[in-house]
Amino acid sequence: MGRSVADVVRRVGDIAVSALLLIVLSPLLAVLAVMVWRSSPGPILFRQERVGLNGKPFMLLKFRSMRQSNEGPAVTAGGDARITRVGAFMRQWKLDELPQFINVLRGEMALVGPRPEVPRYVQHYTPEQMQVLSVKPGITGLTQLEYRHEERMLAGREDVEHAYIHEIMPAKLELDLQYIRNRTLVGDLALLVRTAGAVLGRG
């Protein structure tokens, strides 16, 4: 099935905006890379397998904000001891997410869409929830905005993963399904504007 005009417009916009931001923000990206490199031993970029369009896996990119460890849940609660001081700063301003514009250029993600999950969490999806994989995952979206304080919501939970899988993830997926049912170019633009306001205002 061919792509719709809206899909083509989205893809052109994704490429143009991501390329422009990567160029304009290149000095900041360089500074952040040095800060991460000096913060603790380990790679500058954090790569994690996520599930994308039609269930295809891809490696999501972030600036590493945590100390290297093979232990702990795939979700992060507030006060997680694994987070470095530089990582906490980046997370506060969402700067650790900037490398995902590379994922957008590669065609693995879009600027706006459902948030991609790790494979073991996708295994818990119901058949209805699997519909979120019918569109490209996004850097931002309705769910990302409504749950931008997710780490605070998980802080203090005895079993962070259980709380995420059985409480937070289903609620997030319902918002993602709502987004897909009402998806428009104008709506995507509005979400981008809301995201800019939320990040700049740290709201």
C-alpha atoms as a PDB file:
ATOM      1  CA  MET A   1       0.000   0.000   0.000  1.00  0.00           C
ATOM      2  CA  GLY A   2       1.394   3.400  -0.971  1.00  0.00           C
ATOM      3  CA  ARG A   3       2.022   6.146   1.489  1.00  0.00           C
ATOM      4  CA  SER A   4      -0.552   8.898   1.914  1.00  0.00           C
ATOM      5  CA  VAL A   5       0.193  12.556   1.214  1.00  0.00           C
ATOM      6  CA  ALA A   6       0.180  13.166   4.979  1.00  0.00           C
ATOM      7  CA  ASP A   7       2.826  10.453   5.472  1.00  0.00           C
ATOM      8  CA  VAL A   8       5.038  12.018   2.793  1.00  0.00           C
ATOM      9  CA  VAL A   9       4.656  15.474   4.361  1.00  0.00           C
ATOM     10  CA  ARG A  10       5.508  14.040   7.777  1.00  0.00           C
ATOM     11  CA  ARG A  11       8.631  12.331   6.448  1.00  0.00           C
ATOM     12  CA  VAL A  12       9.862  15.432   4.616  1.00  0.00           C
ATOM     13  CA  GLY A  13       9.250  17.500   7.745  1.00  0.00           C
ATOM     14  CA  ASP A  14      11.004  14.933   9.947  1.00  0.00           C
ATOM     15  CA  ILE A  15      14.109  14.990   7.744  1.00  0.00           C
ATOM     16  CA  ALA A  16      14.230  18.772   7.388  1.00  0.00           C
ATOM     17  CA  VAL A  17      13.685  19.560  11.078  1.00  0.00           C
ATOM     18  CA  SER A  18      16.021  16.835  12.370  1.00  0.00           C
ATOM     19  CA  ALA A  19      18.841  17.750   9.996  1.00  0.00           C
ATOM     20  CA  LEU A  20      18.499  21.450  10.831  1.00  0.00           C
ATOM     21  CA  LEU A  21      18.469  20.844  14.590  1.00  0.00           C
ATOM     22  CA  LEU A  22      21.484  18.522  14.456  1.00  0.00           C
ATOM     23  CA  ILE A  23      23.432  21.193  12.570  1.00  0.00           C
ATOM     24  CA  VAL A  24      22.330  24.125  14.732  1.00  0.00           C
ATOM     25  CA  LEU A  25      22.798  22.212  17.970  1.00  0.00           C
ATOM     26  CA  SER A  26      26.121  20.612  16.987  1.00  0.00           C
ATOM     27  CA  PRO A  27      28.155  22.790  19.427  1.00  0.00           C
ATOM     28  CA  LEU A  28      25.822  21.791  22.275  1.00  0.00           C
ATOM     29  CA  LEU A  29      25.994  18.142  21.234  1.00  0.00           C
ATOM     30  CA  ALA A  30      29.799  18.314  21.348  1.00  0.00           C
ATOM     31  CA  VAL A  31      29.763  19.847  24.834  1.00  0.00           C
ATOM     32  CA  LEU A  32      27.309  17.237  26.100  1.00  0.00           C
ATOM     33  CA  ALA A  33      29.423  14.453  24.620  1.00  0.00           C
ATOM     34  CA  VAL A  34      32.475  15.685  26.546  1.00  0.00           C
ATOM     35  CA  MET A  35      30.440  16.031  29.747  1.00  0.00           C
ATOM     36  CA  VAL A  36      29.161  12.468  29.464  1.00  0.00           C
ATOM     37  CA  TRP A  37      32.652  11.155  28.654  1.00  0.00           C
ATOM     38  CA  ARG A  38      34.054  12.812  31.787  1.00  0.00           C
ATOM     39  CA  SER A  39      31.115  11.916  34.055  1.00  0.00           C
ATOM     40  CA  SER A  40      31.846   8.181  34.403  1.00  0.00           C
ATOM     41  CA  PRO A  41      33.464   5.301  32.520  1.00  0.00           C
ATOM     42  CA  GLY A  42      31.500   4.053  29.541  1.00  0.00           C
ATOM     43  CA  PRO A  43      30.344   5.021  26.052  1.00  0.00           C
ATOM     44  CA  ILE A  44      29.029   8.496  25.285  1.00  0.00           C
ATOM     45  CA  LEU A  45      25.917   7.175  23.588  1.00  0.00           C
ATOM     46  CA  PHE A  46      23.474   4.766  25.174  1.00  0.00           C
ATOM     47  CA  ARG A  47      22.001   2.293  22.694  1.00  0.00           C
ATOM     48  CA  GLN A  48      18.950   0.253  23.567  1.00  0.00           C
ATOM     49  CA  GLU A  49      16.831  -2.050  21.420  1.00  0.00           C
ATOM     50  CA  ARG A  50      13.296  -0.768  20.964  1.00  0.00           C
ATOM     51  CA  VAL A  51      10.344  -1.979  18.914  1.00  0.00           C
ATOM     52  CA  GLY A  52       9.412   0.247  15.986  1.00  0.00           C
ATOM     53  CA  LEU A  53       7.027   0.362  13.047  1.00  0.00           C
ATOM     54  CA  ASN A  54       5.331  -2.988  12.366  1.00  0.00           C
ATOM     55  CA  GLY A  55       7.284  -4.588  15.192  1.00  0.00           C
ATOM     56  CA  LYS A  56      10.697  -4.030  13.603  1.00  0.00           C
ATOM     57  CA  PRO A  57      13.449  -3.617  16.214  1.00  0.00           C
ATOM     58  CA  PHE A  58      15.937  -0.759  16.090  1.00  0.00           C
ATOM     59  CA  MET A  59      18.609   0.743  18.344  1.00  0.00           C
ATOM     60  CA  LEU A  60      17.386   3.904  20.055  1.00  0.00           C
ATOM     61  CA  LEU A  61      20.109   6.471  20.749  1.00  0.00           C
ATOM     62  CA  LYS A  62      20.499   8.675  23.806  1.00  0.00           C
ATOM     63  CA  PHE A  63      23.337  10.389  25.588  1.00  0.00           C
ATOM     64  CA  ARG A  64      24.293   8.021  28.410  1.00  0.00           C
ATOM     65  CA  SER A  65      22.879   9.397  31.644  1.00  0.00           C
ATOM     66  CA  MET A  66      23.584   6.421  33.917  1.00  0.00           C
ATOM     67  CA  ARG A  67      26.570   4.503  35.166  1.00  0.00           C
ATOM     68  CA  GLN A  68      27.166   1.307  33.270  1.00  0.00           C
ATOM     69  CA  SER A  69      25.419  -1.634  34.915  1.00  0.00           C
ATOM     70  CA  ASN A  70      23.769  -4.860  33.837  1.00  0.00           C
ATOM     71  CA  GLU A  71      21.432  -4.696  36.806  1.00  0.00           C
ATOM     72  CA  GLY A  72      18.214  -2.807  37.384  1.00  0.00           C
ATOM     73  CA  PRO A  73      14.940  -2.307  35.502  1.00  0.00           C
ATOM     74  CA  ALA A  74      14.662  -0.875  31.978  1.00  0.00           C
ATOM     75  CA  VAL A  75      12.555   1.952  33.381  1.00  0.00           C
ATOM     76  CA  THR A  76      13.954   4.584  35.703  1.00  0.00           C
ATOM     77  CA  ALA A  77      12.431   5.956  38.893  1.00  0.00           C
ATOM     78  CA  GLY A  78      13.296   9.257  40.478  1.00  0.00           C
ATOM     79  CA  GLY A  79      16.334   9.016  42.726  1.00  0.00           C
ATOM     80  CA  ASP A  80      17.784   6.035  40.856  1.00  0.00           C
ATOM     81  CA  ALA A  81      21.364   5.692  42.103  1.00  0.00           C
ATOM     82  CA  ARG A  82      22.536   4.738  38.609  1.00  0.00           C
ATOM     83  CA  ILE A  83      21.939   8.266  37.276  1.00  0.00           C
ATOM     84  CA  THR A  84      25.052  10.448  37.138  1.00  0.00           C
ATOM     85  CA  ARG A  85      25.074  14.140  38.067  1.00  0.00           C
ATOM     86  CA  VAL A  86      25.462  15.062  34.402  1.00  0.00           C
ATOM     87  CA  GLY A  87      22.731  12.567  33.555  1.00  0.00           C
ATOM     88  CA  ALA A  88      20.323  14.177  36.014  1.00  0.00           C
ATOM     89  CA  PHE A  89      20.952  17.576  34.419  1.00  0.00           C
ATOM     90  CA  MET A  90      20.392  16.223  30.916  1.00  0.00           C
ATOM     91  CA  ARG A  91      17.229  14.401  31.916  1.00  0.00           C
ATOM     92  CA  GLN A  92      15.835  17.540  33.527  1.00  0.00           C
ATOM     93  CA  TRP A  93      16.115  19.395  30.223  1.00  0.00           C
ATOM     94  CA  LYS A  94      15.545  16.291  28.003  1.00  0.00           C
ATOM     95  CA  LEU A  95      18.990  16.837  26.481  1.00  0.00           C
ATOM     96  CA  ASP A  96      19.762  13.123  26.635  1.00  0.00           C
ATOM     97  CA  GLU A  97      17.085  12.653  23.949  1.00  0.00           C
ATOM     98  CA  LEU A  98      18.838  14.798  21.313  1.00  0.00           C
ATOM     99  CA  PRO A  99      20.672  11.905  19.564  1.00  0.00           C
ATOM    100  CA  GLN A 100      17.264  10.505  18.635  1.00  0.00           C
ATOM    101  CA  PHE A 101      17.163  13.016  15.789  1.00  0.00           C
ATOM    102  CA  ILE A 102      19.635  10.597  14.195  1.00  0.00           C
ATOM    103  CA  ASN A 103      17.012   7.852  14.578  1.00  0.00           C
ATOM    104  CA  VAL A 104      14.576  10.162  12.795  1.00  0.00           C
ATOM    105  CA  LEU A 105      16.984  10.761   9.907  1.00  0.00           C
ATOM    106  CA  ARG A 106      17.468   6.994   9.586  1.00  0.00           C
ATOM    107  CA  GLY A 107      13.717   6.567   9.249  1.00  0.00           C
ATOM    108  CA  GLU A 108      13.420   4.523  12.446  1.00  0.00           C
ATOM    109  CA  MET A 109      11.486   7.209  14.312  1.00  0.00           C
ATOM    110  CA  ALA A 110       9.381  10.282  13.634  1.00  0.00           C
ATOM    111  CA  LEU A 111       9.304  13.609  15.429  1.00  0.00           C
ATOM    112  CA  VAL A 112       5.802  12.801  16.711  1.00  0.00           C
ATOM    113  CA  GLY A 113       4.419   9.361  17.514  1.00  0.00           C
ATOM    114  CA  PRO A 114       3.980   6.738  20.245  1.00  0.00           C
ATOM    115  CA  ARG A 115       6.967   6.194  22.501  1.00  0.00           C
ATOM    116  CA  PRO A 116       8.871   3.003  21.530  1.00  0.00           C
ATOM    117  CA  GLU A 117       9.199   0.302  24.170  1.00  0.00           C
ATOM    118  CA  VAL A 118      11.806  -2.384  24.807  1.00  0.00           C
ATOM    119  CA  PRO A 119      10.908  -5.852  23.431  1.00  0.00           C
ATOM    120  CA  ARG A 120      10.219  -7.475  26.796  1.00  0.00           C
ATOM    121  CA  TYR A 121       7.605  -4.850  27.644  1.00  0.00           C
ATOM    122  CA  VAL A 122       5.960  -5.175  24.217  1.00  0.00           C
ATOM    123  CA  GLN A 123       5.404  -8.851  25.033  1.00  0.00           C
ATOM    124  CA  HIS A 124       2.817  -7.657  27.572  1.00  0.00           C
ATOM    125  CA  TYR A 125       0.765  -5.783  24.949  1.00  0.00           C
ATOM    126  CA  THR A 126      -2.776  -6.929  24.256  1.00  0.00           C
ATOM    127  CA  PRO A 127      -3.847  -7.404  20.610  1.00  0.00           C
ATOM    128  CA  GLU A 128      -5.488  -3.967  20.729  1.00  0.00           C
ATOM    129  CA  GLN A 129      -2.400  -2.327  22.202  1.00  0.00           C
ATOM    130  CA  MET A 130      -0.283  -3.808  19.405  1.00  0.00           C
ATOM    131  CA  GLN A 131      -1.941  -1.257  17.115  1.00  0.00           C
ATOM    132  CA  VAL A 132       0.517   1.353  18.392  1.00  0.00           C
ATOM    133  CA  LEU A 133       3.096  -0.387  16.196  1.00  0.00           C
ATOM    134  CA  SER A 134       1.135   0.604  13.084  1.00  0.00           C
ATOM    135  CA  VAL A 135       2.853   4.016  13.008  1.00  0.00           C
ATOM    136  CA  LYS A 136       6.446   5.086  13.554  1.00  0.00           C
ATOM    137  CA  PRO A 137       7.396   5.760  17.158  1.00  0.00           C
ATOM    138  CA  GLY A 138       8.170   9.375  17.980  1.00  0.00           C
ATOM    139  CA  ILE A 139      10.564  11.486  19.998  1.00  0.00           C
ATOM    140  CA  THR A 140       7.560  13.316  21.385  1.00  0.00           C
ATOM    141  CA  GLY A 141       3.835  12.769  21.440  1.00  0.00           C
ATOM    142  CA  LEU A 142       0.732  12.839  23.580  1.00  0.00           C
ATOM    143  CA  THR A 143       2.055  10.146  25.916  1.00  0.00           C
ATOM    144  CA  GLN A 144       5.500  11.702  26.246  1.00  0.00           C
ATOM    145  CA  LEU A 145       3.922  15.009  27.270  1.00  0.00           C
ATOM    146  CA  GLU A 146       1.382  13.588  29.703  1.00  0.00           C
ATOM    147  CA  TYR A 147       3.969  11.297  31.324  1.00  0.00           C
ATOM    148  CA  ARG A 148       6.998  13.584  31.211  1.00  0.00           C
ATOM    149  CA  HIS A 149       7.218  13.236  35.020  1.00  0.00           C
ATOM    150  CA  GLU A 150       7.101   9.449  34.898  1.00  0.00           C
ATOM    151  CA  GLU A 151      10.253   9.088  37.005  1.00  0.00           C
ATOM    152  CA  ARG A 152       8.585  10.980  39.841  1.00  0.00           C
ATOM    153  CA  MET A 153       5.514   8.749  39.559  1.00  0.00           C
ATOM    154  CA  LEU A 154       7.702   5.661  39.955  1.00  0.00           C
ATOM    155  CA  ALA A 155       9.841   7.065  42.773  1.00  0.00           C
ATOM    156  CA  GLY A 156       9.548   5.074  45.978  1.00  0.00           C
ATOM    157  CA  ARG A 157       7.819   2.079  44.387  1.00  0.00           C
ATOM    158  CA  GLU A 158       8.981  -1.228  45.831  1.00  0.00           C
ATOM    159  CA  ASP A 159       8.824  -2.950  42.438  1.00  0.00           C
ATOM    160  CA  VAL A 160       9.365  -0.323  39.752  1.00  0.00           C
ATOM    161  CA  GLU A 161       8.942  -2.684  36.800  1.00  0.00           C
ATOM    162  CA  HIS A 162       5.709  -4.179  38.125  1.00  0.00           C
ATOM    163  CA  ALA A 163       4.252  -0.720  38.681  1.00  0.00           C
ATOM    164  CA  TYR A 164       5.287   0.334  35.200  1.00  0.00           C
ATOM    165  CA  ILE A 165       4.003  -2.738  33.348  1.00  0.00           C
ATOM    166  CA  HIS A 166       0.683  -3.032  35.170  1.00  0.00           C
ATOM    167  CA  GLU A 167      -0.194   0.603  35.932  1.00  0.00           C
ATOM    168  CA  ILE A 168       1.662   3.176  33.885  1.00  0.00           C
ATOM    169  CA  MET A 169       2.249   1.353  30.596  1.00  0.00           C
ATOM    170  CA  PRO A 170      -1.440   0.487  29.984  1.00  0.00           C
ATOM    171  CA  ALA A 171      -2.420   4.116  30.619  1.00  0.00           C
ATOM    172  CA  LYS A 172       0.286   5.316  28.245  1.00  0.00           C
ATOM    173  CA  LEU A 173      -0.804   2.873  25.559  1.00  0.00           C
ATOM    174  CA  GLU A 174      -4.391   4.110  25.829  1.00  0.00           C
ATOM    175  CA  LEU A 175      -3.137   7.619  25.087  1.00  0.00           C
ATOM    176  CA  ASP A 176      -1.069   6.304  22.177  1.00  0.00           C
ATOM    177  CA  LEU A 177      -4.150   4.581  20.732  1.00  0.00           C
ATOM    178  CA  GLN A 178      -6.097   7.808  21.184  1.00  0.00           C
ATOM    179  CA  TYR A 179      -3.382   9.657  19.277  1.00  0.00           C
ATOM    180  CA  ILE A 180      -3.473   7.150  16.397  1.00  0.00           C
ATOM    181  CA  ARG A 181      -7.266   7.344  16.117  1.00  0.00           C
ATOM    182  CA  ASN A 182      -7.162  11.149  15.883  1.00  0.00           C
ATOM    183  CA  ARG A 183      -3.830  11.615  14.093  1.00  0.00           C
ATOM    184  CA  THR A 184      -3.547  14.721  11.867  1.00  0.00           C
ATOM    185  CA  LEU A 185      -0.731  16.953  10.617  1.00  0.00           C
ATOM    186  CA  VAL A 186      -2.181  19.903  12.514  1.00  0.00           C
ATOM    187  CA  GLY A 187      -2.374  17.790  15.662  1.00  0.00           C
ATOM    188  CA  ASP A 188       1.268  16.748  15.263  1.00  0.00           C
ATOM    189  CA  LEU A 189       2.304  20.380  14.894  1.00  0.00           C
ATOM    190  CA  ALA A 190       0.386  21.256  18.050  1.00  0.00           C
ATOM    191  CA  LEU A 191       2.199  18.484  19.947  1.00  0.00           C
ATOM    192  CA  LEU A 192       5.564  19.823  18.761  1.00  0.00           C
ATOM    193  CA  VAL A 193       4.634  23.299  20.017  1.00  0.00           C
ATOM    194  CA  ARG A 194       3.492  21.847  23.351  1.00  0.00           C
ATOM    195  CA  THR A 195       6.761  19.929  23.630  1.00  0.00           C
ATOM    196  CA  ALA A 196       8.852  23.040  23.084  1.00  0.00           C
ATOM    197  CA  GLY A 197       6.862  24.845  25.764  1.00  0.00           C
ATOM    198  CA  ALA A 198       7.144  21.962  28.218  1.00  0.00           C
ATOM    199  CA  VAL A 199      10.925  21.626  27.745  1.00  0.00           C
ATOM    200  CA  LEU A 200      11.682  25.339  27.906  1.00  0.00           C
ATOM    201  CA  GLY A 201       9.377  25.792  30.871  1.00  0.00           C
ATOM    202  CA  ARG A 202      10.370  22.485  32.467  1.00  0.00           C
ATOM    203  CA  GLY A 203       6.668  22.108  33.165  1.00  0.00           C
END
